[in-house]
Amino acid sequence: LACNLDTARSLPLCVQGRLRHGYHFTLKSILRETAVTFVVSRVAGTLVSPDRIFAAQGDWLQVLIKDTFIDEFFRDISALDNNLQLPHTFHWPHQHLSLT
C-alpha cells in the first residue's frame, strides 16, 4: 500500500481512536474511486477473516489488522515522527503487508 505523508501521519490516531476500540477506518483516494479499509476482528460484516487477511470487492480493499499485530503496527507507524528518511517503506512480512 502507498499513501502520502499527511495520510501516514494520521494512521497512529486511526489505530488509537478506531481499531483499538473495535472499529474500522477507511482511506479513500481523492484521485480515483478506490478505498482501503483497515478492520479488526470485532468489526462485523467484513469480507476478511483470520485465514484471509486481504479481501477486495471491486476497487475496495479490506485489510485485517489482527489483534496480535495491532501493537506492532501502531509502534512502527508511530515512528513517522522520528524524522525517517522519505520515502520510507514499512515491511511486515509475517502479515504480507508493506506500507510506503
N, C-alpha and C. Protein backbone atom coordinates (compact mmCIF):
# COMPACT_ATOMS: atom_id res chain seq x y z
N LEU A 1 0.84 -1.17 0.00
CA LEU A 1 0.00 0.00 0.00
C LEU A 1 0.88 1.23 0.00
N ALA A 2 0.39 2.29 -0.58
CA ALA A 2 1.13 3.55 -0.62
C ALA A 2 0.20 4.69 -0.26
N CYS A 3 0.74 5.66 0.47
CA CYS A 3 -0.05 6.85 0.82
C CYS A 3 0.89 8.03 0.96
N ASN A 4 0.33 9.22 1.01
CA ASN A 4 1.17 10.40 1.18
C ASN A 4 1.52 10.59 2.65
N LEU A 5 2.41 11.51 2.91
CA LEU A 5 2.91 11.72 4.27
C LEU A 5 1.81 12.18 5.23
N ASP A 6 0.93 13.06 4.77
CA ASP A 6 -0.15 13.53 5.65
C ASP A 6 -1.06 12.38 6.07
N THR A 7 -1.38 11.52 5.15
CA THR A 7 -2.21 10.35 5.47
C THR A 7 -1.46 9.43 6.42
N ALA A 8 -0.20 9.19 6.15
CA ALA A 8 0.59 8.30 7.00
C ALA A 8 0.68 8.84 8.43
N ARG A 9 0.77 10.15 8.56
CA ARG A 9 0.85 10.74 9.90
C ARG A 9 -0.46 10.60 10.68
N SER A 10 -1.56 10.41 9.99
CA SER A 10 -2.84 10.24 10.68
C SER A 10 -3.09 8.78 11.08
N LEU A 11 -2.30 7.85 10.57
CA LEU A 11 -2.52 6.43 10.86
C LEU A 11 -2.43 6.09 12.35
N PRO A 12 -1.45 6.59 13.11
CA PRO A 12 -1.43 6.25 14.54
C PRO A 12 -2.72 6.67 15.26
N LEU A 13 -3.25 7.83 14.92
CA LEU A 13 -4.50 8.28 15.52
C LEU A 13 -5.65 7.35 15.14
N CYS A 14 -5.66 6.90 13.90
CA CYS A 14 -6.70 5.97 13.46
C CYS A 14 -6.62 4.65 14.21
N VAL A 15 -5.40 4.17 14.46
CA VAL A 15 -5.25 2.93 15.23
C VAL A 15 -5.73 3.15 16.65
N GLN A 16 -5.27 4.24 17.28
CA GLN A 16 -5.65 4.52 18.67
C GLN A 16 -7.14 4.78 18.82
N GLY A 17 -7.69 5.58 17.93
CA GLY A 17 -9.07 6.00 18.08
C GLY A 17 -10.10 5.08 17.47
N ARG A 18 -9.71 4.24 16.54
CA ARG A 18 -10.67 3.40 15.84
C ARG A 18 -10.40 1.91 16.06
N LEU A 19 -9.26 1.43 15.56
CA LEU A 19 -9.01 -0.02 15.59
C LEU A 19 -8.96 -0.57 17.00
N ARG A 20 -8.29 0.11 17.89
CA ARG A 20 -8.18 -0.41 19.27
C ARG A 20 -9.52 -0.41 20.01
N HIS A 21 -10.49 0.28 19.47
CA HIS A 21 -11.83 0.30 20.09
C HIS A 21 -12.82 -0.57 19.32
N GLY A 22 -12.31 -1.36 18.38
CA GLY A 22 -13.15 -2.30 17.66
C GLY A 22 -13.86 -1.75 16.44
N TYR A 23 -13.39 -0.61 15.92
CA TYR A 23 -13.99 0.00 14.74
C TYR A 23 -13.04 -0.08 13.56
N HIS A 24 -13.54 0.20 12.38
CA HIS A 24 -12.72 0.22 11.17
C HIS A 24 -12.36 1.67 10.83
N PHE A 25 -11.43 1.84 9.89
CA PHE A 25 -11.26 3.14 9.27
C PHE A 25 -10.90 2.94 7.80
N THR A 26 -11.33 3.88 6.99
CA THR A 26 -11.19 3.77 5.54
C THR A 26 -10.39 4.94 5.01
N LEU A 27 -9.45 4.63 4.15
CA LEU A 27 -8.69 5.63 3.40
C LEU A 27 -9.24 5.61 1.98
N LYS A 28 -9.70 6.75 1.50
CA LYS A 28 -10.28 6.83 0.17
C LYS A 28 -9.39 7.70 -0.70
N SER A 29 -9.17 7.25 -1.91
CA SER A 29 -8.37 8.02 -2.85
C SER A 29 -9.11 9.26 -3.31
N ILE A 30 -8.38 10.37 -3.44
CA ILE A 30 -9.00 11.57 -3.98
C ILE A 30 -8.86 11.61 -5.50
N LEU A 31 -8.07 10.69 -6.05
CA LEU A 31 -7.84 10.68 -7.49
C LEU A 31 -8.75 9.72 -8.23
N ARG A 32 -9.10 8.61 -7.58
CA ARG A 32 -9.91 7.57 -8.23
C ARG A 32 -10.91 7.04 -7.23
N GLU A 33 -11.80 6.23 -7.70
CA GLU A 33 -12.81 5.60 -6.84
C GLU A 33 -12.23 4.33 -6.22
N THR A 34 -11.22 4.47 -5.40
CA THR A 34 -10.61 3.34 -4.71
C THR A 34 -10.56 3.64 -3.22
N ALA A 35 -10.56 2.57 -2.42
CA ALA A 35 -10.51 2.75 -0.97
C ALA A 35 -9.85 1.55 -0.34
N VAL A 36 -9.24 1.79 0.81
CA VAL A 36 -8.66 0.73 1.63
C VAL A 36 -9.26 0.89 3.02
N THR A 37 -9.85 -0.20 3.53
CA THR A 37 -10.43 -0.19 4.86
C THR A 37 -9.64 -1.12 5.75
N PHE A 38 -9.12 -0.59 6.85
CA PHE A 38 -8.46 -1.40 7.86
C PHE A 38 -9.51 -1.82 8.87
N VAL A 39 -9.57 -3.10 9.18
CA VAL A 39 -10.56 -3.61 10.12
C VAL A 39 -9.87 -4.49 11.15
N VAL A 40 -10.53 -4.68 12.27
CA VAL A 40 -10.09 -5.64 13.29
C VAL A 40 -11.14 -6.74 13.35
N SER A 41 -10.83 -7.80 14.05
CA SER A 41 -11.71 -8.98 14.06
C SER A 41 -13.09 -8.69 14.64
N ARG A 42 -13.23 -7.67 15.47
CA ARG A 42 -14.53 -7.36 16.09
C ARG A 42 -15.48 -6.63 15.16
N VAL A 43 -15.01 -6.19 13.99
CA VAL A 43 -15.87 -5.48 13.05
C VAL A 43 -16.71 -6.51 12.30
N ALA A 44 -18.03 -6.37 12.36
CA ALA A 44 -18.94 -7.32 11.71
C ALA A 44 -19.15 -6.95 10.25
N GLY A 45 -19.51 -7.95 9.46
CA GLY A 45 -19.88 -7.73 8.08
C GLY A 45 -18.74 -7.47 7.13
N THR A 46 -17.55 -7.93 7.47
CA THR A 46 -16.39 -7.72 6.61
C THR A 46 -16.19 -8.91 5.68
N LEU A 47 -15.35 -8.72 4.70
CA LEU A 47 -15.01 -9.78 3.76
C LEU A 47 -13.76 -10.54 4.19
N VAL A 48 -13.04 -10.02 5.18
CA VAL A 48 -11.79 -10.63 5.63
C VAL A 48 -12.04 -11.60 6.77
N SER A 49 -11.04 -12.43 7.03
CA SER A 49 -11.10 -13.39 8.14
C SER A 49 -9.67 -13.68 8.56
N PRO A 50 -9.46 -14.36 9.69
CA PRO A 50 -8.09 -14.69 10.10
C PRO A 50 -7.32 -15.50 9.06
N ASP A 51 -8.04 -16.26 8.26
CA ASP A 51 -7.39 -17.04 7.20
C ASP A 51 -7.23 -16.26 5.91
N ARG A 52 -7.93 -15.16 5.78
CA ARG A 52 -7.91 -14.34 4.56
C ARG A 52 -7.85 -12.88 4.99
N ILE A 53 -6.62 -12.38 5.23
CA ILE A 53 -6.47 -11.05 5.82
C ILE A 53 -6.64 -9.91 4.80
N PHE A 54 -6.70 -10.25 3.52
CA PHE A 54 -6.98 -9.26 2.48
C PHE A 54 -8.19 -9.72 1.69
N ALA A 55 -9.06 -8.80 1.36
CA ALA A 55 -10.20 -9.12 0.51
C ALA A 55 -10.55 -7.88 -0.30
N ALA A 56 -10.88 -8.09 -1.56
CA ALA A 56 -11.23 -6.97 -2.42
C ALA A 56 -12.62 -7.19 -3.01
N GLN A 57 -13.33 -6.09 -3.13
CA GLN A 57 -14.61 -6.08 -3.80
C GLN A 57 -14.56 -4.88 -4.73
N GLY A 58 -14.36 -5.14 -6.00
CA GLY A 58 -14.16 -4.05 -6.95
C GLY A 58 -12.88 -3.29 -6.60
N ASP A 59 -13.01 -1.99 -6.45
CA ASP A 59 -11.86 -1.12 -6.11
C ASP A 59 -11.74 -0.86 -4.62
N TRP A 60 -12.36 -1.69 -3.82
CA TRP A 60 -12.34 -1.53 -2.36
C TRP A 60 -11.58 -2.71 -1.76
N LEU A 61 -10.51 -2.41 -1.05
CA LEU A 61 -9.68 -3.42 -0.40
C LEU A 61 -9.90 -3.36 1.10
N GLN A 62 -10.10 -4.52 1.72
CA GLN A 62 -10.16 -4.61 3.18
C GLN A 62 -8.90 -5.31 3.67
N VAL A 63 -8.34 -4.79 4.74
CA VAL A 63 -7.13 -5.35 5.35
C VAL A 63 -7.42 -5.62 6.81
N LEU A 64 -7.26 -6.88 7.22
CA LEU A 64 -7.47 -7.25 8.62
C LEU A 64 -6.19 -6.99 9.40
N ILE A 65 -6.31 -6.19 10.44
CA ILE A 65 -5.21 -5.98 11.38
C ILE A 65 -5.51 -6.88 12.58
N LYS A 66 -4.79 -7.98 12.65
CA LYS A 66 -5.07 -8.97 13.70
C LYS A 66 -4.73 -8.39 15.08
N ASP A 67 -5.43 -8.90 16.09
CA ASP A 67 -5.20 -8.46 17.46
C ASP A 67 -3.74 -8.65 17.87
N THR A 68 -3.11 -9.70 17.38
CA THR A 68 -1.71 -9.99 17.72
C THR A 68 -0.74 -9.07 16.99
N PHE A 69 -1.22 -8.29 16.03
CA PHE A 69 -0.37 -7.42 15.21
C PHE A 69 -0.59 -5.94 15.51
N ILE A 70 -1.68 -5.59 16.13
CA ILE A 70 -2.06 -4.18 16.25
C ILE A 70 -1.02 -3.34 17.02
N ASP A 71 -0.41 -3.89 18.07
CA ASP A 71 0.59 -3.12 18.82
C ASP A 71 1.85 -2.87 17.98
N GLU A 72 2.28 -3.88 17.25
CA GLU A 72 3.46 -3.72 16.38
C GLU A 72 3.16 -2.72 15.27
N PHE A 73 2.00 -2.82 14.66
CA PHE A 73 1.57 -1.90 13.60
C PHE A 73 1.58 -0.46 14.14
N PHE A 74 0.99 -0.25 15.30
CA PHE A 74 0.95 1.08 15.90
C PHE A 74 2.35 1.60 16.20
N ARG A 75 3.18 0.77 16.82
CA ARG A 75 4.54 1.18 17.16
C ARG A 75 5.32 1.60 15.92
N ASP A 76 5.23 0.80 14.87
CA ASP A 76 6.00 1.09 13.67
C ASP A 76 5.52 2.35 12.95
N ILE A 77 4.21 2.49 12.76
CA ILE A 77 3.73 3.67 12.04
C ILE A 77 3.87 4.94 12.87
N SER A 78 3.97 4.79 14.19
CA SER A 78 4.22 5.96 15.05
C SER A 78 5.62 6.49 14.86
N ALA A 79 6.50 5.71 14.27
CA ALA A 79 7.89 6.13 14.04
C ALA A 79 7.99 7.22 12.98
N LEU A 80 6.91 7.55 12.31
CA LEU A 80 6.95 8.62 11.30
C LEU A 80 7.36 9.96 11.90
N ASP A 81 7.13 10.13 13.18
CA ASP A 81 7.52 11.38 13.84
C ASP A 81 9.00 11.42 14.20
N ASN A 82 9.73 10.36 13.87
CA ASN A 82 11.15 10.27 14.24
C ASN A 82 12.08 10.62 13.09
N ASN A 83 11.65 11.52 12.21
CA ASN A 83 12.48 12.01 11.11
C ASN A 83 13.03 10.89 10.24
N LEU A 84 12.19 9.97 9.85
CA LEU A 84 12.60 8.92 8.93
C LEU A 84 12.94 9.52 7.57
N GLN A 85 13.88 8.90 6.89
CA GLN A 85 14.19 9.34 5.53
C GLN A 85 13.04 8.91 4.63
N LEU A 86 12.53 9.85 3.85
CA LEU A 86 11.39 9.58 2.98
C LEU A 86 11.82 9.47 1.53
N PRO A 87 11.18 8.67 0.73
CA PRO A 87 10.08 7.79 1.11
C PRO A 87 10.59 6.63 1.97
N HIS A 88 9.72 6.16 2.84
CA HIS A 88 10.06 5.06 3.72
C HIS A 88 9.01 3.96 3.54
N THR A 89 9.47 2.73 3.52
CA THR A 89 8.55 1.61 3.41
C THR A 89 8.65 0.75 4.66
N PHE A 90 7.51 0.55 5.28
CA PHE A 90 7.41 -0.38 6.40
C PHE A 90 7.10 -1.76 5.82
N HIS A 91 7.75 -2.77 6.33
CA HIS A 91 7.52 -4.14 5.87
C HIS A 91 7.12 -5.00 7.06
N TRP A 92 6.04 -5.75 6.91
CA TRP A 92 5.61 -6.72 7.89
C TRP A 92 5.41 -8.05 7.16
N PRO A 93 6.51 -8.76 6.91
CA PRO A 93 6.42 -9.99 6.09
C PRO A 93 5.45 -11.03 6.67
N HIS A 94 5.40 -11.13 7.99
CA HIS A 94 4.50 -12.13 8.59
C HIS A 94 3.03 -11.77 8.38
N GLN A 95 2.73 -10.52 7.99
CA GLN A 95 1.37 -10.10 7.68
C GLN A 95 1.17 -9.94 6.17
N HIS A 96 2.24 -10.18 5.41
CA HIS A 96 2.21 -9.99 3.94
C HIS A 96 1.80 -8.56 3.61
N LEU A 97 2.32 -7.60 4.37
CA LEU A 97 1.90 -6.21 4.24
C LEU A 97 3.11 -5.29 4.19
N SER A 98 3.05 -4.33 3.28
CA SER A 98 4.03 -3.24 3.21
C SER A 98 3.27 -1.95 3.04
N LEU A 99 3.84 -0.89 3.61
CA LEU A 99 3.21 0.43 3.52
C LEU A 99 4.31 1.44 3.25
N THR A 100 4.13 2.20 2.15
CA THR A 100 5.09 3.24 1.75
C THR A 100 4.46 4.59 1.95
